[in-house]
Amino acid sequence: MHEFSIIQGIVDIVLATAREKEVNHISLVEVEVGRASGVIREAMEFAWEAARKDTLLSQAGLKILEIPLVVRCITCGRQYEPAEVYDICPGCGEVNPEIITGKELRVVAIET
């Protein structure tokens, strides 16, 4: 489950930022996760519980903002929100997507 390594990376980023800013309390970490990022929300939440123990984040919550999958059909230019990346375009019936949003995975806020 790669969510454990992702969460460990998030914890490392937040702790480094807290040291840099001389912060001694974190109450919430907010992350954006795209629907096509391959990350499972429940696995991230489970990994968070384990990774934050015995750190400055031991009392911090994790807020996950899901970013929708939006693609643009390269063939006809239509922009749409498919259930899966390679669903057919509702405009022309082709499968030729360019991902606009949905692959994000980033820390967007740290609340103290």
C-alpha atoms as a PDB file:
ATOM      1  CA  MET A   1       0.000   0.000   0.000  1.00  0.00           C
ATOM      2  CA  HIS A   2       1.822   3.122  -1.223  1.00  0.00           C
ATOM      3  CA  GLU A   3      -0.392   5.414   0.862  1.00  0.00           C
ATOM      4  CA  PHE A   4       1.902   4.792   3.854  1.00  0.00           C
ATOM      5  CA  SER A   5       4.896   6.236   1.997  1.00  0.00           C
ATOM      6  CA  ILE A   6       2.777   9.128   0.709  1.00  0.00           C
ATOM      7  CA  ILE A   7       1.592   9.970   4.218  1.00  0.00           C
ATOM      8  CA  GLN A   8       5.139   9.677   5.565  1.00  0.00           C
ATOM      9  CA  GLY A   9       6.211  12.188   2.918  1.00  0.00           C
ATOM     10  CA  ILE A  10       3.396  14.533   3.955  1.00  0.00           C
ATOM     11  CA  VAL A  11       4.386  14.201   7.619  1.00  0.00           C
ATOM     12  CA  ASP A  12       8.011  14.959   6.715  1.00  0.00           C
ATOM     13  CA  ILE A  13       6.975  18.057   4.735  1.00  0.00           C
ATOM     14  CA  VAL A  14       4.750  19.358   7.539  1.00  0.00           C
ATOM     15  CA  LEU A  15       7.352  18.732  10.257  1.00  0.00           C
ATOM     16  CA  ALA A  16      10.076  20.440   8.204  1.00  0.00           C
ATOM     17  CA  THR A  17       7.786  23.426   7.614  1.00  0.00           C
ATOM     18  CA  ALA A  18       6.924  23.579  11.328  1.00  0.00           C
ATOM     19  CA  ARG A  19      10.640  23.588  12.262  1.00  0.00           C
ATOM     20  CA  GLU A  20      11.382  26.278   9.688  1.00  0.00           C
ATOM     21  CA  LYS A  21       8.538  28.490  10.938  1.00  0.00           C
ATOM     22  CA  GLU A  22       9.227  27.649  14.612  1.00  0.00           C
ATOM     23  CA  VAL A  23       5.705  26.294  15.099  1.00  0.00           C
ATOM     24  CA  ASN A  24       5.107  24.001  18.069  1.00  0.00           C
ATOM     25  CA  HIS A  25       1.481  22.982  17.461  1.00  0.00           C
ATOM     26  CA  ILE A  26      -0.332  21.741  14.361  1.00  0.00           C
ATOM     27  CA  SER A  27      -4.090  21.243  14.505  1.00  0.00           C
ATOM     28  CA  LEU A  28      -4.913  20.330  10.898  1.00  0.00           C
ATOM     29  CA  VAL A  29      -3.193  19.342   7.675  1.00  0.00           C
ATOM     30  CA  GLU A  30      -5.171  19.832   4.471  1.00  0.00           C
ATOM     31  CA  VAL A  31      -4.261  17.943   1.313  1.00  0.00           C
ATOM     32  CA  GLU A  32      -5.668  17.811  -2.197  1.00  0.00           C
ATOM     33  CA  VAL A  33      -6.009  14.388  -3.774  1.00  0.00           C
ATOM     34  CA  GLY A  34      -7.116  13.967  -7.356  1.00  0.00           C
ATOM     35  CA  ARG A  35      -9.540  11.197  -8.279  1.00  0.00           C
ATOM     36  CA  ALA A  36      -7.043   9.856 -10.815  1.00  0.00           C
ATOM     37  CA  SER A  37      -4.041  10.019  -8.474  1.00  0.00           C
ATOM     38  CA  GLY A  38      -4.312   6.345  -7.581  1.00  0.00           C
ATOM     39  CA  VAL A  39      -4.545   7.129  -3.867  1.00  0.00           C
ATOM     40  CA  ILE A  40      -7.199   5.520  -1.700  1.00  0.00           C
ATOM     41  CA  ARG A  41      -8.688   7.958   0.803  1.00  0.00           C
ATOM     42  CA  GLU A  42      -9.372   5.365   3.513  1.00  0.00           C
ATOM     43  CA  ALA A  43      -5.827   4.029   3.265  1.00  0.00           C
ATOM     44  CA  MET A  44      -4.461   7.563   3.642  1.00  0.00           C
ATOM     45  CA  GLU A  45      -6.592   8.130   6.738  1.00  0.00           C
ATOM     46  CA  PHE A  46      -5.415   4.834   8.251  1.00  0.00           C
ATOM     47  CA  ALA A  47      -1.772   5.635   7.477  1.00  0.00           C
ATOM     48  CA  TRP A  48      -2.186   9.125   8.984  1.00  0.00           C
ATOM     49  CA  GLU A  49      -3.205   7.644  12.318  1.00  0.00           C
ATOM     50  CA  ALA A  50      -0.012   5.584  12.448  1.00  0.00           C
ATOM     51  CA  ALA A  51       2.424   8.143  11.007  1.00  0.00           C
ATOM     52  CA  ARG A  52       1.481  11.070  13.254  1.00  0.00           C
ATOM     53  CA  LYS A  53       2.008   9.223  16.548  1.00  0.00           C
ATOM     54  CA  ASP A  54       4.804  10.548  18.765  1.00  0.00           C
ATOM     55  CA  THR A  55       5.267  13.638  16.583  1.00  0.00           C
ATOM     56  CA  LEU A  56       4.175  17.257  16.631  1.00  0.00           C
ATOM     57  CA  LEU A  57       1.193  16.013  14.604  1.00  0.00           C
ATOM     58  CA  SER A  58      -0.100  13.595  17.236  1.00  0.00           C
ATOM     59  CA  GLN A  59      -3.254  15.682  17.770  1.00  0.00           C
ATOM     60  CA  ALA A  60      -3.571  16.996  14.214  1.00  0.00           C
ATOM     61  CA  GLY A  61      -6.418  16.119  11.903  1.00  0.00           C
ATOM     62  CA  LEU A  62      -6.131  15.318   8.231  1.00  0.00           C
ATOM     63  CA  LYS A  63      -8.558  16.970   5.810  1.00  0.00           C
ATOM     64  CA  ILE A  64      -8.620  15.426   2.343  1.00  0.00           C
ATOM     65  CA  LEU A  65     -10.076  17.527  -0.460  1.00  0.00           C
ATOM     66  CA  GLU A  66     -10.971  15.405  -3.477  1.00  0.00           C
ATOM     67  CA  ILE A  67     -10.224  17.031  -6.820  1.00  0.00           C
ATOM     68  CA  PRO A  68     -12.531  15.809  -9.609  1.00  0.00           C
ATOM     69  CA  LEU A  69     -11.255  14.164 -12.741  1.00  0.00           C
ATOM     70  CA  VAL A  70     -11.672  16.574 -15.638  1.00  0.00           C
ATOM     71  CA  VAL A  71     -10.388  15.749 -19.109  1.00  0.00           C
ATOM     72  CA  ARG A  72     -10.366  17.419 -22.498  1.00  0.00           C
ATOM     73  CA  CYS A  73     -10.852  15.311 -25.578  1.00  0.00           C
ATOM     74  CA  ILE A  74      -7.890  15.874 -27.863  1.00  0.00           C
ATOM     75  CA  THR A  75      -9.996  14.833 -30.860  1.00  0.00           C
ATOM     76  CA  CYS A  76     -12.945  17.231 -30.498  1.00  0.00           C
ATOM     77  CA  GLY A  77     -11.882  19.594 -27.692  1.00  0.00           C
ATOM     78  CA  ARG A  78     -14.814  18.837 -25.384  1.00  0.00           C
ATOM     79  CA  GLN A  79     -14.096  19.076 -21.661  1.00  0.00           C
ATOM     80  CA  TYR A  80     -15.943  16.621 -19.399  1.00  0.00           C
ATOM     81  CA  GLU A  81     -15.807  14.665 -16.110  1.00  0.00           C
ATOM     82  CA  PRO A  82     -15.581  10.947 -16.866  1.00  0.00           C
ATOM     83  CA  ALA A  83     -15.954   8.224 -14.239  1.00  0.00           C
ATOM     84  CA  GLU A  84     -12.603   6.802 -15.438  1.00  0.00           C
ATOM     85  CA  VAL A  85      -9.788   8.410 -17.421  1.00  0.00           C
ATOM     86  CA  TYR A  86     -10.343   6.292 -20.514  1.00  0.00           C
ATOM     87  CA  ASP A  87     -14.131   6.550 -20.765  1.00  0.00           C
ATOM     88  CA  ILE A  88     -15.330   7.557 -24.209  1.00  0.00           C
ATOM     89  CA  CYS A  89     -15.879  11.215 -24.994  1.00  0.00           C
ATOM     90  CA  PRO A  90     -19.574  12.122 -24.864  1.00  0.00           C
ATOM     91  CA  GLY A  91     -18.983  14.571 -27.726  1.00  0.00           C
ATOM     92  CA  CYS A  92     -17.346  12.425 -30.396  1.00  0.00           C
ATOM     93  CA  GLY A  93     -17.180   8.883 -28.991  1.00  0.00           C
ATOM     94  CA  GLU A  94     -13.383   8.736 -29.146  1.00  0.00           C
ATOM     95  CA  VAL A  95     -11.029   7.801 -26.301  1.00  0.00           C
ATOM     96  CA  ASN A  96      -8.342  10.464 -26.524  1.00  0.00           C
ATOM     97  CA  PRO A  97      -8.219  12.306 -23.168  1.00  0.00           C
ATOM     98  CA  GLU A  98      -5.877  14.954 -21.870  1.00  0.00           C
ATOM     99  CA  ILE A  99      -6.128  15.195 -18.069  1.00  0.00           C
ATOM    100  CA  ILE A 100      -6.904  18.729 -16.886  1.00  0.00           C
ATOM    101  CA  THR A 101      -7.409  17.969 -13.177  1.00  0.00           C
ATOM    102  CA  GLY A 102      -7.501  14.835 -11.076  1.00  0.00           C
ATOM    103  CA  LYS A 103      -3.862  13.787 -10.645  1.00  0.00           C
ATOM    104  CA  GLU A 104      -3.102  16.247  -7.829  1.00  0.00           C
ATOM    105  CA  LEU A 105      -1.505  15.170  -4.573  1.00  0.00           C
ATOM    106  CA  ARG A 106      -0.277  18.064  -2.479  1.00  0.00           C
ATOM    107  CA  VAL A 107      -0.332  19.724   0.915  1.00  0.00           C
ATOM    108  CA  VAL A 108      -2.371  22.924   0.604  1.00  0.00           C
ATOM    109  CA  ALA A 109      -2.662  24.134   4.194  1.00  0.00           C
ATOM    110  CA  ILE A 110      -1.223  23.624   7.648  1.00  0.00           C
ATOM    111  CA  GLU A 111      -3.278  25.012  10.502  1.00  0.00           C
ATOM    112  CA  THR A 112      -1.710  25.804  13.841  1.00  0.00           C
END
